[in-house]
């Protein structure tokens, strides 16, 4: 057995498990050993039964006589019938035990899928936004999908353990029966198995890496194509997309074919060698004992043993093949579960006076600052406009203010209380955010407005009325109107109003518009800005915009340039 390959995989898998799952695994291991013992007993009791049935005189001496006397039977025939009936009951018990074992390990495997999927999703939700911005969402989705392969790997490990115990117990029984013949069988089978293991593990590891890479490319193709479907249709580059898709699909298919073929090969070869050895064993036993009546029980025993061992060895090799194939999935899951995450608290924070930034700096990449020593005060209820050229840091500044990005230097104060990881969640709950591109998922208006919060129909309707879209929805199905994926069933202005309703749903104290109307026509923009200024009358409003008409009613206009803030009147850095 290729222990140097299996042990690191088992060790890594065990390290990733919770205490509850480790206890379940220990119980499964005991259940597996029990099953192997049951399998061995099932094989070992056949030979005595065949021997007694073919030669009842055996009950007159040895262990047979002791068993006969122990149960106190009156005649040999009754004892043999009783022994046969007991074997039938035992095999029924064996069947129930085996089904229970299969159910238990499959349940454990699915528990692993759920456990790793939840842990990965929780980890990705907890990574800093700066780290998320540097990743591909399709790749993150594909990594979570790898939990299914880790689950399958766990199942194969448990199945391999079951086969290993069964082979060891049956092999021990064969040694006790006839150690010389068993030694001959061992030499032939061991050489065959080791040769296959060396080939299988090397090939399967390589194919596993190819599968993972091609699966990742396929996820990216799906995401990029369906996320830009209108542009794909407009540009007419379906052929180029299909070429990339087909190339990745071919690689994925070839890796699956290669792995499945490698997994099947041992069965044919092991069966050929095993049953050839069985015929040779019959010849050897006849040669040694010169008595067919003595040969029948031993041959029956070896036939049963090989009948059990050869399929077990085939399944074991298949399990090892699958483990090697899916090992890289375990490495990927392990690597991503180690990502640094943010610990965020819900300590209370009150916003009654002002938001104050002191010497705030921020960089996505170390050594390249997007914000440089920014200081700014925003009073409660004030309407602030932030303008500037693209790339000057406007959106980044707002992301820092609302707590999405944490400054690499400097401090943010909310009513003189520093904004920290301990109170960041409470601060974010004060924010209503309306981005340039509103993401609407394929659900109802109510689901999109609540967006994870507890749905309250009265609050949803009020938010929609405030966003001036309720009248339109009454001509449809009200809050139960479906919007389609990406809001495709709504116009741009209607999507934006749903975004406004979403931002207002929890009645935030601060409303942020990040170029929220830049994609709209002038007339629609004016209507929506009228609505925003109306609903933000008693709120603090922060607006990022290129058009001066969008921010003309703001109390203060601030221009950004090269990561710094300038007053629009005297152009003095603050």
Protein backbone atom coordinates (compact mmCIF):
# COMPACT_ATOMS: atom_id res chain seq x y z
CA UNK A 1 0.00 0.00 0.00
CA UNK A 2 1.26 3.44 -0.87
CA UNK A 3 1.14 4.71 2.71
CA UNK A 4 3.38 7.70 1.94
CA UNK A 5 0.63 9.00 -0.36
CA UNK A 6 -2.40 8.19 1.77
CA UNK A 7 -1.14 9.32 5.18
CA UNK A 8 -0.56 13.02 4.27
CA UNK A 9 -4.04 13.17 2.70
CA UNK A 10 -5.66 11.51 5.71
CA UNK A 11 -3.68 13.75 8.08
CA UNK A 12 -4.70 16.94 6.27
CA UNK A 13 -8.34 15.85 6.08
CA UNK A 14 -8.38 14.94 9.78
CA UNK A 15 -6.81 18.29 10.73
CA UNK A 16 -9.54 20.18 8.91
CA UNK A 17 -12.38 18.35 10.66
CA UNK A 18 -14.26 19.71 13.65
CA UNK A 19 -14.30 17.85 16.98
CA UNK A 20 -17.82 16.55 16.26
CA UNK A 21 -16.77 15.15 12.89
CA UNK A 22 -13.65 13.56 14.40
CA UNK A 23 -15.83 11.73 16.93
CA UNK A 24 -18.13 10.60 14.10
CA UNK A 25 -15.07 9.43 12.17
CA UNK A 26 -13.84 7.40 15.17
CA UNK A 27 -17.25 5.72 15.41
CA UNK A 28 -17.18 4.99 11.67
CA UNK A 29 -13.71 3.47 12.00
CA UNK A 30 -14.99 1.10 14.71
CA UNK A 31 -17.99 0.28 12.52
CA UNK A 32 -15.64 -0.39 9.60
CA UNK A 33 -13.45 -2.76 11.62
CA UNK A 34 -16.63 -4.53 12.77
CA UNK A 35 -17.76 -4.95 9.17
CA UNK A 36 -14.39 -6.41 8.19
CA UNK A 37 -14.67 -8.92 11.05
CA UNK A 38 -18.18 -9.84 9.94
CA UNK A 39 -16.92 -10.33 6.36
CA UNK A 40 -14.09 -12.56 7.57
CA UNK A 41 -16.38 -14.64 9.76
CA UNK A 42 -18.76 -14.97 6.82
CA UNK A 43 -15.97 -16.53 4.78
CA UNK A 44 -14.49 -18.69 7.55
CA UNK A 45 -17.77 -20.41 8.52
CA UNK A 46 -18.39 -21.72 5.01
CA UNK A 47 -15.54 -24.28 5.05
CA UNK A 48 -16.66 -26.07 8.26
CA UNK A 49 -20.23 -26.27 6.93
CA UNK A 50 -19.14 -27.73 3.59
CA UNK A 51 -16.81 -30.16 5.38
CA UNK A 52 -19.56 -31.41 7.73
CA UNK A 53 -22.12 -31.63 4.94
CA UNK A 54 -19.78 -33.65 2.72
CA UNK A 55 -18.34 -35.77 5.55
CA UNK A 56 -20.61 -36.01 8.69
CA UNK A 57 -18.05 -38.28 10.32
CA UNK A 58 -16.01 -35.17 11.18
CA UNK A 59 -18.46 -34.57 14.06
CA UNK A 60 -16.95 -37.52 15.88
CA UNK A 61 -13.66 -35.78 16.69
CA UNK A 62 -11.83 -32.49 17.21
CA UNK A 63 -13.47 -29.06 17.29
CA UNK A 64 -16.44 -30.39 15.37
CA UNK A 65 -17.29 -32.84 18.17
CA UNK A 66 -16.85 -30.14 20.84
CA UNK A 67 -19.31 -27.86 19.03
CA UNK A 68 -21.72 -30.80 18.53
CA UNK A 69 -21.59 -31.72 22.25
CA UNK A 70 -21.85 -28.07 23.37
CA UNK A 71 -25.27 -27.61 21.77
CA UNK A 72 -26.45 -31.09 22.76
CA UNK A 73 -27.99 -32.17 19.49
CA UNK A 74 -29.39 -35.71 19.21
CA UNK A 75 -28.17 -36.44 15.70
CA UNK A 76 -25.62 -35.13 13.24
CA UNK A 77 -28.11 -34.22 10.50
CA UNK A 78 -30.07 -31.92 12.81
CA UNK A 79 -26.86 -30.19 13.92
CA UNK A 80 -25.73 -29.62 10.30
CA UNK A 81 -29.17 -28.22 9.37
CA UNK A 82 -29.10 -25.94 12.43
CA UNK A 83 -25.57 -24.80 11.56
CA UNK A 84 -26.68 -24.02 7.98
CA UNK A 85 -29.72 -22.08 9.24
CA UNK A 86 -27.44 -20.11 11.59
CA UNK A 87 -25.23 -19.22 8.59
CA UNK A 88 -28.30 -17.94 6.72
CA UNK A 89 -29.28 -15.74 9.70
CA UNK A 90 -25.72 -14.51 9.97
CA UNK A 91 -25.63 -13.55 6.29
CA UNK A 92 -28.91 -11.66 6.68
CA UNK A 93 -27.33 -9.79 9.61
CA UNK A 94 -24.25 -9.18 7.46
CA UNK A 95 -26.44 -7.64 4.73
CA UNK A 96 -28.16 -5.29 7.21
CA UNK A 97 -24.83 -4.35 8.79
CA UNK A 98 -23.29 -3.66 5.36
CA UNK A 99 -26.19 -1.43 4.29
CA UNK A 100 -26.00 0.45 7.61
CA UNK A 101 -22.26 0.94 7.10
CA UNK A 102 -22.75 2.25 3.56
CA UNK A 103 -25.47 4.64 4.79
CA UNK A 104 -23.24 5.90 7.60
CA UNK A 105 -20.18 6.63 5.47
CA UNK A 106 -22.29 8.31 2.78
CA UNK A 107 -23.97 10.43 5.43
CA UNK A 108 -20.55 11.37 6.77
CA UNK A 109 -19.37 12.22 3.25
CA UNK A 110 -22.33 14.55 2.68
CA UNK A 111 -21.76 16.10 6.09
CA UNK A 112 -18.22 16.86 4.90
CA UNK A 113 -19.59 18.55 1.78
CA UNK A 114 -21.91 20.71 3.87
CA UNK A 115 -19.19 21.46 6.43
CA UNK A 116 -16.51 22.52 3.94
CA UNK A 117 -18.96 24.47 1.77
CA UNK A 118 -20.15 26.42 4.81
CA UNK A 119 -16.61 27.03 6.05
CA UNK A 120 -15.40 28.23 2.66
CA UNK A 121 -18.42 30.47 2.11
CA UNK A 122 -18.06 31.89 5.63
CA UNK A 123 -14.34 32.48 5.02
CA UNK A 124 -14.97 34.27 1.72
CA UNK A 125 -17.64 36.43 3.37
CA UNK A 126 -15.16 37.35 6.11
CA UNK A 127 -12.12 38.26 4.00
CA UNK A 128 -11.32 41.99 3.73
CA UNK A 129 -12.99 43.71 0.78
CA UNK A 130 -9.55 44.70 -0.47
CA UNK A 131 -8.61 41.02 -0.72
CA UNK A 132 -11.93 40.19 -2.40
CA UNK A 133 -11.38 42.91 -5.01
CA UNK A 134 -8.21 41.11 -6.12
CA UNK A 135 -10.00 37.78 -6.68
CA UNK A 136 -12.21 36.39 -9.41
CA UNK A 137 -15.75 35.64 -8.20
CA UNK A 138 -16.05 32.72 -10.65
CA UNK A 139 -12.92 31.16 -9.14
CA UNK A 140 -14.33 31.60 -5.63
CA UNK A 141 -17.53 29.86 -6.73
CA UNK A 142 -15.52 27.04 -8.28
CA UNK A 143 -13.47 26.62 -5.09
CA UNK A 144 -16.64 26.23 -3.02
CA UNK A 145 -17.73 23.64 -5.58
CA UNK A 146 -14.53 21.70 -4.82
CA UNK A 147 -16.13 20.83 -1.46
CA UNK A 148 -18.00 18.10 -3.35
CA UNK A 149 -14.68 16.57 -4.42
CA UNK A 150 -13.30 16.79 -0.86
CA UNK A 151 -16.49 15.05 0.28
CA UNK A 152 -15.89 12.36 -2.34
CA UNK A 153 -12.28 12.09 -1.21
CA UNK A 154 -13.43 11.53 2.40
CA UNK A 155 -15.81 8.82 1.15
CA UNK A 156 -12.98 7.11 -0.73
CA UNK A 157 -10.72 7.25 2.35
CA UNK A 158 -13.41 5.52 4.43
CA UNK A 159 -14.07 2.94 1.73
CA UNK A 160 -10.33 2.31 1.39
CA UNK A 161 -10.08 1.77 5.16
CA UNK A 162 -12.93 -0.73 4.98
CA UNK A 163 -11.24 -2.65 2.16
CA UNK A 164 -7.85 -2.60 3.92
CA UNK A 165 -9.30 -4.13 7.11
CA UNK A 166 -11.24 -6.72 5.14
CA UNK A 167 -8.18 -7.74 3.13
CA UNK A 168 -6.04 -7.99 6.28
CA UNK A 169 -8.56 -10.13 8.16
CA UNK A 170 -9.25 -12.44 5.21
CA UNK A 171 -5.53 -12.66 4.51
CA UNK A 172 -4.89 -13.68 8.12
CA UNK A 173 -7.49 -16.41 7.74
CA UNK A 174 -5.74 -17.65 4.58
CA UNK A 175 -2.39 -17.72 6.38
CA UNK A 176 -3.89 -19.82 9.17
CA UNK A 177 -5.34 -22.22 6.61
CA UNK A 178 -2.21 -22.75 4.53
CA UNK A 179 0.64 -20.32 4.89
CA UNK A 180 2.70 -21.76 2.02
CA UNK A 181 0.01 -21.32 -0.61
CA UNK A 182 -0.89 -17.94 0.81
CA UNK A 183 2.73 -16.84 0.50
CA UNK A 184 2.77 -17.77 -3.19
CA UNK A 185 -0.46 -15.84 -3.77
CA UNK A 186 0.95 -12.86 -1.88
CA UNK A 187 4.09 -12.61 -3.98
CA UNK A 188 2.17 -12.58 -7.26
CA UNK A 189 -0.60 -10.23 -6.12
CA UNK A 190 1.69 -7.84 -4.25
CA UNK A 191 3.96 -7.34 -7.26
CA UNK A 192 0.92 -6.64 -9.44
CA UNK A 193 -0.67 -4.22 -6.95
CA UNK A 194 2.51 -2.24 -6.29
CA UNK A 195 3.12 -1.85 -10.01
CA UNK A 196 -0.39 -0.51 -10.53
CA UNK A 197 -0.17 1.82 -7.55
CA UNK A 198 3.01 3.41 -8.83
CA UNK A 199 1.41 4.05 -12.24
CA UNK A 200 -2.02 5.06 -10.96
CA UNK A 201 -0.94 7.59 -8.35
CA UNK A 202 1.42 9.40 -10.72
CA UNK A 203 -1.10 9.57 -13.54
CA UNK A 204 -4.10 10.38 -11.35
CA UNK A 205 -2.36 13.28 -9.61
CA UNK A 206 -1.50 14.84 -12.96
CA UNK A 207 -5.04 14.33 -14.27
CA UNK A 208 -6.49 15.79 -11.05
CA UNK A 209 -4.54 19.02 -11.55
CA UNK A 210 -5.71 19.22 -15.17
CA UNK A 211 -9.32 18.69 -14.07
CA UNK A 212 -9.12 21.47 -11.50
CA UNK A 213 -7.56 23.96 -13.93
CA UNK A 214 -10.04 23.17 -16.70
CA UNK A 215 -12.95 23.36 -14.25
CA UNK A 216 -11.74 26.79 -13.13
CA UNK A 217 -11.51 27.99 -16.74
CA UNK A 218 -15.01 26.71 -17.47
CA UNK A 219 -16.40 28.62 -14.47
CA UNK A 220 -14.74 31.80 -15.72
CA UNK A 221 -16.11 31.29 -19.24
CA UNK A 222 -19.65 30.88 -17.88
CA UNK A 223 -19.36 33.94 -15.67
CA UNK A 224 -17.83 36.18 -18.32
CA UNK A 225 -20.24 35.06 -21.05
CA UNK A 226 -23.53 35.23 -19.15
CA UNK A 227 -22.43 38.36 -17.29
CA UNK A 228 -21.87 40.16 -20.63
CA UNK A 229 -24.49 38.39 -22.73
CA UNK A 230 -25.78 41.54 -24.44
CA UNK A 231 -22.24 42.55 -25.42
CA UNK A 232 -21.52 39.04 -26.68
CA UNK A 233 -24.58 39.17 -28.92
CA UNK A 234 -23.69 42.65 -30.10
CA UNK A 235 -20.08 41.85 -30.91
CA UNK A 236 -20.92 38.47 -32.41
CA UNK A 237 -17.82 36.74 -31.03
CA UNK A 238 -19.62 33.51 -30.07
CA UNK A 239 -17.11 31.45 -32.07
CA UNK A 240 -14.14 32.73 -30.07
CA UNK A 241 -15.94 32.06 -26.80
CA UNK A 242 -16.91 28.58 -27.96
CA UNK A 243 -13.30 27.80 -28.90
CA UNK A 244 -12.14 28.65 -25.38
CA UNK A 245 -15.04 26.74 -23.88
CA UNK A 246 -14.42 23.65 -26.02
CA UNK A 247 -10.69 23.65 -25.28
CA UNK A 248 -11.32 23.65 -21.51
CA UNK A 249 -14.12 21.09 -21.88
CA UNK A 250 -11.86 18.78 -23.91
CA UNK A 251 -9.16 18.94 -21.23
CA UNK A 252 -11.72 18.22 -18.50
CA UNK A 253 -13.21 15.29 -20.45
CA UNK A 254 -9.80 13.77 -21.25
CA UNK A 255 -8.78 13.90 -17.59
CA UNK A 256 -12.01 12.14 -16.59
CA UNK A 257 -11.58 9.47 -19.29
CA UNK A 258 -7.95 8.84 -18.31
CA UNK A 259 -8.77 8.54 -14.62
CA UNK A 260 -11.77 6.26 -15.15
CA UNK A 261 -9.73 4.02 -17.47
CA UNK A 262 -6.87 3.76 -14.99
CA UNK A 263 -9.39 2.88 -12.29
CA UNK A 264 -10.92 0.00 -14.29
CA UNK A 265 -7.68 -1.61 -15.50
CA UNK A 266 -6.75 -3.37 -12.21
CA UNK A 267 -10.04 -5.30 -12.12
CA UNK A 268 -9.39 -7.30 -15.28
CA UNK A 269 -5.75 -7.97 -14.50
CA UNK A 270 -6.33 -8.90 -10.84
CA UNK A 271 -9.15 -11.26 -11.76
CA UNK A 272 -7.02 -12.94 -14.44
CA UNK A 273 -4.08 -13.41 -12.09
CA UNK A 274 -6.23 -14.36 -9.09
CA UNK A 275 -8.27 -17.07 -10.75
CA UNK A 276 -5.24 -18.41 -12.60
CA UNK A 277 -3.60 -18.78 -9.20
CA UNK A 278 -6.73 -20.49 -7.88
CA UNK A 279 -6.54 -23.11 -10.63
CA UNK A 280 -2.87 -23.56 -9.85
CA UNK A 281 -3.78 -23.93 -6.17
CA UNK A 282 -6.28 -26.70 -7.01
CA UNK A 283 -3.60 -28.54 -8.94
CA UNK A 284 -1.13 -28.12 -6.06
CA UNK A 285 -3.60 -29.30 -3.42
CA UNK A 286 -4.53 -32.37 -5.49
CA UNK A 287 -0.85 -33.04 -5.99
CA UNK A 288 -0.16 -32.83 -2.25
CA UNK A 289 -3.24 -34.53 -0.74
CA UNK A 290 -4.21 -37.02 -3.52
CA UNK A 291 -7.75 -36.93 -2.10
CA UNK A 292 -10.65 -35.00 -3.70
CA UNK A 293 -12.76 -35.08 -0.50
CA UNK A 294 -10.04 -33.20 1.38
CA UNK A 295 -9.50 -30.81 -1.50
CA UNK A 296 -13.12 -29.59 -1.73
CA UNK A 297 -13.29 -27.65 1.62
CA UNK A 298 -9.90 -26.00 1.16
CA UNK A 299 -10.62 -25.08 -2.45
CA UNK A 300 -14.00 -23.70 -1.39
CA UNK A 301 -12.33 -21.65 1.29
CA UNK A 302 -9.70 -20.23 -1.05
CA UNK A 303 -12.31 -19.58 -3.73
CA UNK A 304 -14.40 -17.61 -1.24
CA UNK A 305 -11.34 -15.80 0.07
CA UNK A 306 -10.19 -14.81 -3.42
CA UNK A 307 -13.77 -13.98 -4.35
CA UNK A 308 -13.72 -11.47 -1.50
CA UNK A 309 -10.12 -10.28 -1.69
CA UNK A 310 -9.84 -9.63 -5.44
CA UNK A 311 -12.85 -7.28 -5.65
CA UNK A 312 -11.68 -5.66 -2.40
CA UNK A 313 -8.24 -5.07 -3.89
CA UNK A 314 -9.82 -3.69 -7.05
CA UNK A 315 -12.00 -1.31 -5.05
CA UNK A 316 -9.04 -0.37 -2.89
CA UNK A 317 -6.96 0.50 -5.95
CA UNK A 318 -9.91 2.47 -7.28
CA UNK A 319 -10.16 4.35 -3.99
CA UNK A 320 -6.45 5.16 -4.06
CA UNK A 321 -6.81 6.31 -7.67
CA UNK A 322 -9.69 8.62 -6.72
CA UNK A 323 -7.85 9.96 -3.66
CA UNK A 324 -4.82 10.84 -5.78
CA UNK A 325 -7.11 12.39 -8.42
CA UNK A 326 -8.94 14.57 -5.87
CA UNK A 327 -5.97 15.34 -3.63
CA UNK A 328 -5.44 18.71 -5.28
CA UNK A 329 -9.03 19.69 -4.42
CA UNK A 330 -8.22 19.08 -0.75
CA UNK A 331 -5.07 21.21 -1.09
CA UNK A 332 -7.09 24.07 -2.64
CA UNK A 333 -9.76 23.91 0.09
CA UNK A 334 -7.10 23.79 2.80
CA UNK A 335 -5.26 26.75 1.28
CA UNK A 336 -8.41 28.89 1.07
CA UNK A 337 -9.55 28.02 4.58
CA UNK A 338 -6.28 29.59 5.75
CA UNK A 339 -7.07 32.99 4.19
CA UNK A 340 -6.84 35.85 6.70
CA UNK A 341 -10.31 36.96 7.76
CA UNK A 342 -11.66 40.01 9.54
CA UNK A 343 -13.12 39.78 13.01
CA UNK A 344 -15.88 42.35 13.22
CA UNK A 345 -17.94 43.29 16.27
CA UNK A 346 -21.31 44.93 16.83
CA UNK A 347 -20.38 47.37 19.59
CA UNK A 348 -22.71 50.38 19.53
CA UNK A 349 -21.72 53.57 17.75
CA UNK A 350 -23.85 56.73 17.64
CA UNK A 351 -23.88 59.31 14.87
CA UNK A 352 -25.27 62.56 16.24
CA UNK A 353 -22.65 65.18 15.40
CA UNK A 354 -20.05 64.43 12.72
CA UNK A 355 -17.82 62.03 10.81
CA UNK A 356 -14.18 63.01 11.02
CA UNK A 357 -11.26 61.63 9.00
CA UNK A 358 -7.75 62.34 10.28
CA UNK A 359 -4.77 61.75 7.98
CA UNK A 360 -6.38 58.81 6.18
CA UNK A 361 -4.23 56.89 3.72
CA UNK A 362 -5.15 53.76 1.79
CA UNK A 363 -3.50 51.49 -0.76
CA UNK A 364 -4.64 48.34 -2.55
CA UNK A 365 -1.04 47.34 -3.22
CA UNK A 366 1.71 48.12 -0.74
CA UNK A 367 3.71 51.16 -1.85
CA UNK A 368 0.99 52.53 -4.14
CA UNK A 369 -1.29 54.90 -2.23
CA UNK A 370 -4.73 55.71 -3.58
CA UNK A 371 -5.51 58.08 -0.70
CA UNK A 372 -2.81 60.27 0.84
CA UNK A 373 -3.23 61.84 4.30
CA UNK A 374 -6.86 62.84 3.75
CA UNK A 375 -8.54 64.84 6.51
CA UNK A 376 -12.22 65.69 6.29
CA UNK A 377 -15.21 66.49 8.50
CA UNK A 378 -18.79 65.75 7.50
CA UNK A 379 -21.48 67.15 9.79
CA UNK A 380 -24.68 65.25 10.46
CA UNK A 381 -27.38 66.23 7.97
CA UNK A 382 -24.88 67.83 5.60
CA UNK A 383 -25.07 67.21 1.84
CA UNK A 384 -21.54 66.61 0.50
CA UNK A 385 -20.54 66.29 -3.16
CA UNK A 386 -17.25 64.60 -4.08
CA UNK A 387 -16.03 65.24 -7.62
CA UNK A 388 -12.86 64.65 -9.60
CA UNK A 389 -11.39 62.83 -12.56
CA UNK A 390 -11.69 59.05 -12.90
CA UNK A 391 -9.10 57.23 -10.80
CA UNK A 392 -8.53 60.10 -8.36
CA UNK A 393 -9.82 58.08 -5.39
CA UNK A 394 -13.44 59.26 -5.00
CA UNK A 395 -15.04 55.81 -4.65
CA UNK A 396 -12.17 54.57 -2.50
CA UNK A 397 -12.64 57.52 -0.12
CA UNK A 398 -16.34 56.74 0.20
CA UNK A 399 -15.60 53.03 0.72
CA UNK A 400 -13.31 54.01 3.59
CA UNK A 401 -15.93 56.34 5.11
CA UNK A 402 -18.68 53.70 5.05
CA UNK A 403 -16.36 51.04 6.50
CA UNK A 404 -15.91 48.78 3.48
CA UNK A 405 -12.18 49.50 3.31
CA UNK A 406 -10.06 49.92 6.41
CA UNK A 407 -7.47 52.70 6.14
CA UNK A 408 -3.85 51.62 6.01
CA UNK A 409 -3.04 54.73 8.06
CA UNK A 410 -5.02 57.34 9.98
CA UNK A 411 -8.25 57.17 11.97
CA UNK A 412 -11.96 57.72 11.33
CA UNK A 413 -14.03 59.14 14.19
CA UNK A 414 -17.80 58.94 14.56
CA UNK A 415 -18.79 61.55 17.19
CA UNK A 416 -15.20 61.39 18.48
CA UNK A 417 -15.36 57.58 18.81
CA UNK A 418 -12.71 55.81 16.69
CA UNK A 419 -14.13 53.47 14.06
CA UNK A 420 -12.60 50.04 14.72
CA UNK A 421 -13.29 46.38 14.07
CA UNK A 422 -15.27 46.29 17.31
CA UNK A 423 -17.97 48.73 16.12
CA UNK A 424 -17.70 48.51 12.33
CA UNK A 425 -20.90 46.49 11.86
CA UNK A 426 -22.97 48.95 13.88
CA UNK A 427 -21.59 51.80 11.76
CA UNK A 428 -22.34 50.03 8.48
CA UNK A 429 -25.95 49.57 9.60
CA UNK A 430 -26.24 53.38 9.46
CA UNK A 431 -25.35 53.41 5.75
CA UNK A 432 -27.67 53.33 2.75
CA UNK A 433 -25.62 52.73 -0.41
CA UNK A 434 -26.70 53.28 -4.02
CA UNK A 435 -23.99 52.24 -6.52
CA UNK A 436 -23.73 53.09 -10.20
CA UNK A 437 -24.64 49.55 -11.21
CA UNK A 438 -27.56 48.11 -9.24
CA UNK A 439 -27.37 44.32 -8.91
CA UNK A 440 -30.84 42.78 -8.95
CA UNK A 441 -31.04 39.00 -8.64
CA UNK A 442 -33.73 36.86 -10.23
CA UNK A 443 -36.42 37.24 -7.60
CA UNK A 444 -39.27 39.49 -6.58
CA UNK A 445 -39.08 43.23 -5.91
CA UNK A 446 -39.65 42.51 -2.20
CA UNK A 447 -36.73 40.07 -2.07
CA UNK A 448 -34.45 42.53 -3.84
CA UNK A 449 -35.40 45.44 -1.59
CA UNK A 450 -35.02 43.49 1.67
CA UNK A 451 -31.81 41.89 0.32
CA UNK A 452 -31.07 39.57 3.23
CA UNK A 453 -32.84 41.63 5.91
CA UNK A 454 -36.02 40.33 7.48
CA UNK A 455 -38.81 41.19 4.99
CA UNK A 456 -41.50 43.54 6.24
CA UNK A 457 -44.18 44.22 3.62
CA UNK A 458 -45.19 47.57 5.10
CA UNK A 459 -41.56 48.79 5.20
CA UNK A 460 -40.93 47.49 1.67
CA UNK A 461 -43.98 49.29 0.32
CA UNK A 462 -43.01 52.52 2.11
CA UNK A 463 -39.46 52.35 0.69
CA UNK A 464 -40.87 51.78 -2.82
CA UNK A 465 -43.26 54.69 -2.44
CA UNK A 466 -40.43 56.94 -1.27
CA UNK A 467 -38.36 55.82 -4.28
CA UNK A 468 -41.30 56.76 -6.54
CA UNK A 469 -41.75 53.36 -8.16
CA UNK A 470 -44.79 52.08 -6.28
CA UNK A 471 -47.31 53.41 -8.81
CA UNK A 472 -45.57 51.46 -11.58
CA UNK A 473 -45.53 48.26 -9.52
CA UNK A 474 -49.27 48.48 -8.81
CA UNK A 475 -49.81 47.92 -12.53
CA UNK A 476 -47.87 44.66 -12.20
CA UNK A 477 -47.87 42.35 -9.17
CA UNK A 478 -46.86 44.89 -6.54
CA UNK A 479 -43.97 43.87 -4.32
CA UNK A 480 -44.21 40.35 -5.78
CA UNK A 481 -43.30 41.54 -9.28
CA UNK A 482 -40.37 39.51 -10.63
CA UNK A 483 -37.44 41.54 -11.93
CA UNK A 484 -35.52 38.88 -13.90
CA UNK A 485 -31.81 38.17 -13.64
CA UNK A 486 -29.90 41.44 -13.40
CA UNK A 487 -33.22 43.33 -13.42
CA UNK A 488 -33.61 42.62 -17.14
CA UNK A 489 -37.41 43.09 -16.98
CA UNK A 490 -37.04 46.66 -15.71
CA UNK A 491 -35.74 49.83 -17.33
CA UNK A 492 -32.53 51.47 -16.11
CA UNK A 493 -34.44 54.11 -14.18
CA UNK A 494 -36.69 51.50 -12.57
CA UNK A 495 -33.68 49.45 -11.54
CA UNK A 496 -32.15 52.56 -9.99
CA UNK A 497 -35.36 53.25 -8.04
CA UNK A 498 -35.33 49.67 -6.71
CA UNK A 499 -31.74 50.39 -5.62
CA UNK A 500 -32.90 53.54 -3.83
CA UNK A 501 -35.67 51.59 -2.09
CA UNK A 502 -33.13 48.98 -1.02
CA UNK A 503 -30.86 51.67 0.42
CA UNK A 504 -33.79 53.24 2.33
CA UNK A 505 -35.30 50.00 3.60
CA UNK A 506 -33.48 50.00 6.95
CA UNK A 507 -33.88 53.78 7.38
CA UNK A 508 -30.14 54.64 7.40
CA UNK A 509 -28.75 57.90 8.78
CA UNK A 510 -26.24 58.26 5.93
CA UNK A 511 -27.13 57.92 2.26
CA UNK A 512 -24.30 57.39 -0.25
CA UNK A 513 -24.58 57.73 -4.04
CA UNK A 514 -21.57 56.40 -5.92
CA UNK A 515 -22.15 57.81 -9.42
CA UNK A 516 -25.60 56.25 -9.08
CA UNK A 517 -27.17 58.20 -11.95
CA UNK A 518 -24.29 58.47 -14.41
CA UNK A 519 -25.72 55.79 -16.72
CA UNK A 520 -29.14 57.48 -16.98
CA UNK A 521 -30.37 60.11 -19.39
CA UNK A 522 -30.54 63.70 -18.13
CA UNK A 523 -34.31 63.76 -17.67
CA UNK A 524 -34.42 60.50 -15.70
CA UNK A 525 -31.41 61.59 -13.67
CA UNK A 526 -33.10 64.85 -12.68
CA UNK A 527 -36.22 63.00 -11.53
CA UNK A 528 -34.23 60.50 -9.49
CA UNK A 529 -32.03 63.22 -7.94
CA UNK A 530 -35.18 65.14 -6.97
CA UNK A 531 -36.38 62.00 -5.23
CA UNK A 532 -33.02 61.45 -3.52
CA UNK A 533 -32.78 65.02 -2.24
CA UNK A 534 -36.35 64.72 -1.01
CA UNK A 535 -35.83 61.45 0.90
CA UNK A 536 -32.46 62.61 2.31
CA UNK A 537 -33.88 65.84 3.80
CA UNK A 538 -33.08 64.64 7.34
CA UNK A 539 -30.16 62.44 6.39
CA UNK A 540 -26.48 62.94 5.69
CA UNK A 541 -25.93 62.70 1.96
CA UNK A 542 -22.63 61.88 0.24
CA UNK A 543 -22.73 62.11 -3.55
CA UNK A 544 -20.03 61.08 -6.03
CA UNK A 545 -20.73 62.47 -9.48
CA UNK A 546 -19.11 63.78 -12.65
CA UNK A 547 -21.97 66.03 -13.74
CA UNK A 548 -22.15 69.32 -11.87
CA UNK A 549 -25.93 69.38 -12.33
CA UNK A 550 -26.13 66.27 -10.18
CA UNK A 551 -24.52 67.94 -7.15
CA UNK A 552 -25.64 71.56 -7.54
CA UNK A 553 -27.91 71.36 -4.49
CA UNK A 554 -25.21 69.97 -2.17
CA UNK A 555 -24.10 72.10 0.80
CA UNK A 556 -20.44 71.55 0.04
CA UNK A 557 -18.53 70.45 -3.01
CA UNK A 558 -15.15 68.82 -2.66
CA UNK A 559 -12.80 68.06 -5.51
CA UNK A 560 -10.31 65.21 -5.34
CA UNK A 561 -7.06 65.08 -7.20
CA UNK A 562 -4.20 62.57 -6.95
CA UNK A 563 -5.57 60.99 -3.78
CA UNK A 564 -5.97 64.31 -1.94
CA UNK A 565 -8.91 66.59 -1.19
CA UNK A 566 -9.12 70.17 -2.51
CA UNK A 567 -11.71 72.86 -1.85
CA UNK A 568 -13.40 73.73 -5.15
CA UNK A 569 -13.21 77.46 -4.42
CA UNK A 570 -9.66 78.13 -3.37
CA UNK A 571 -8.13 74.74 -4.44
CA UNK A 572 -6.35 74.49 -1.09
CA UNK A 573 -5.58 71.04 0.23
CA UNK A 574 -7.38 70.39 3.48
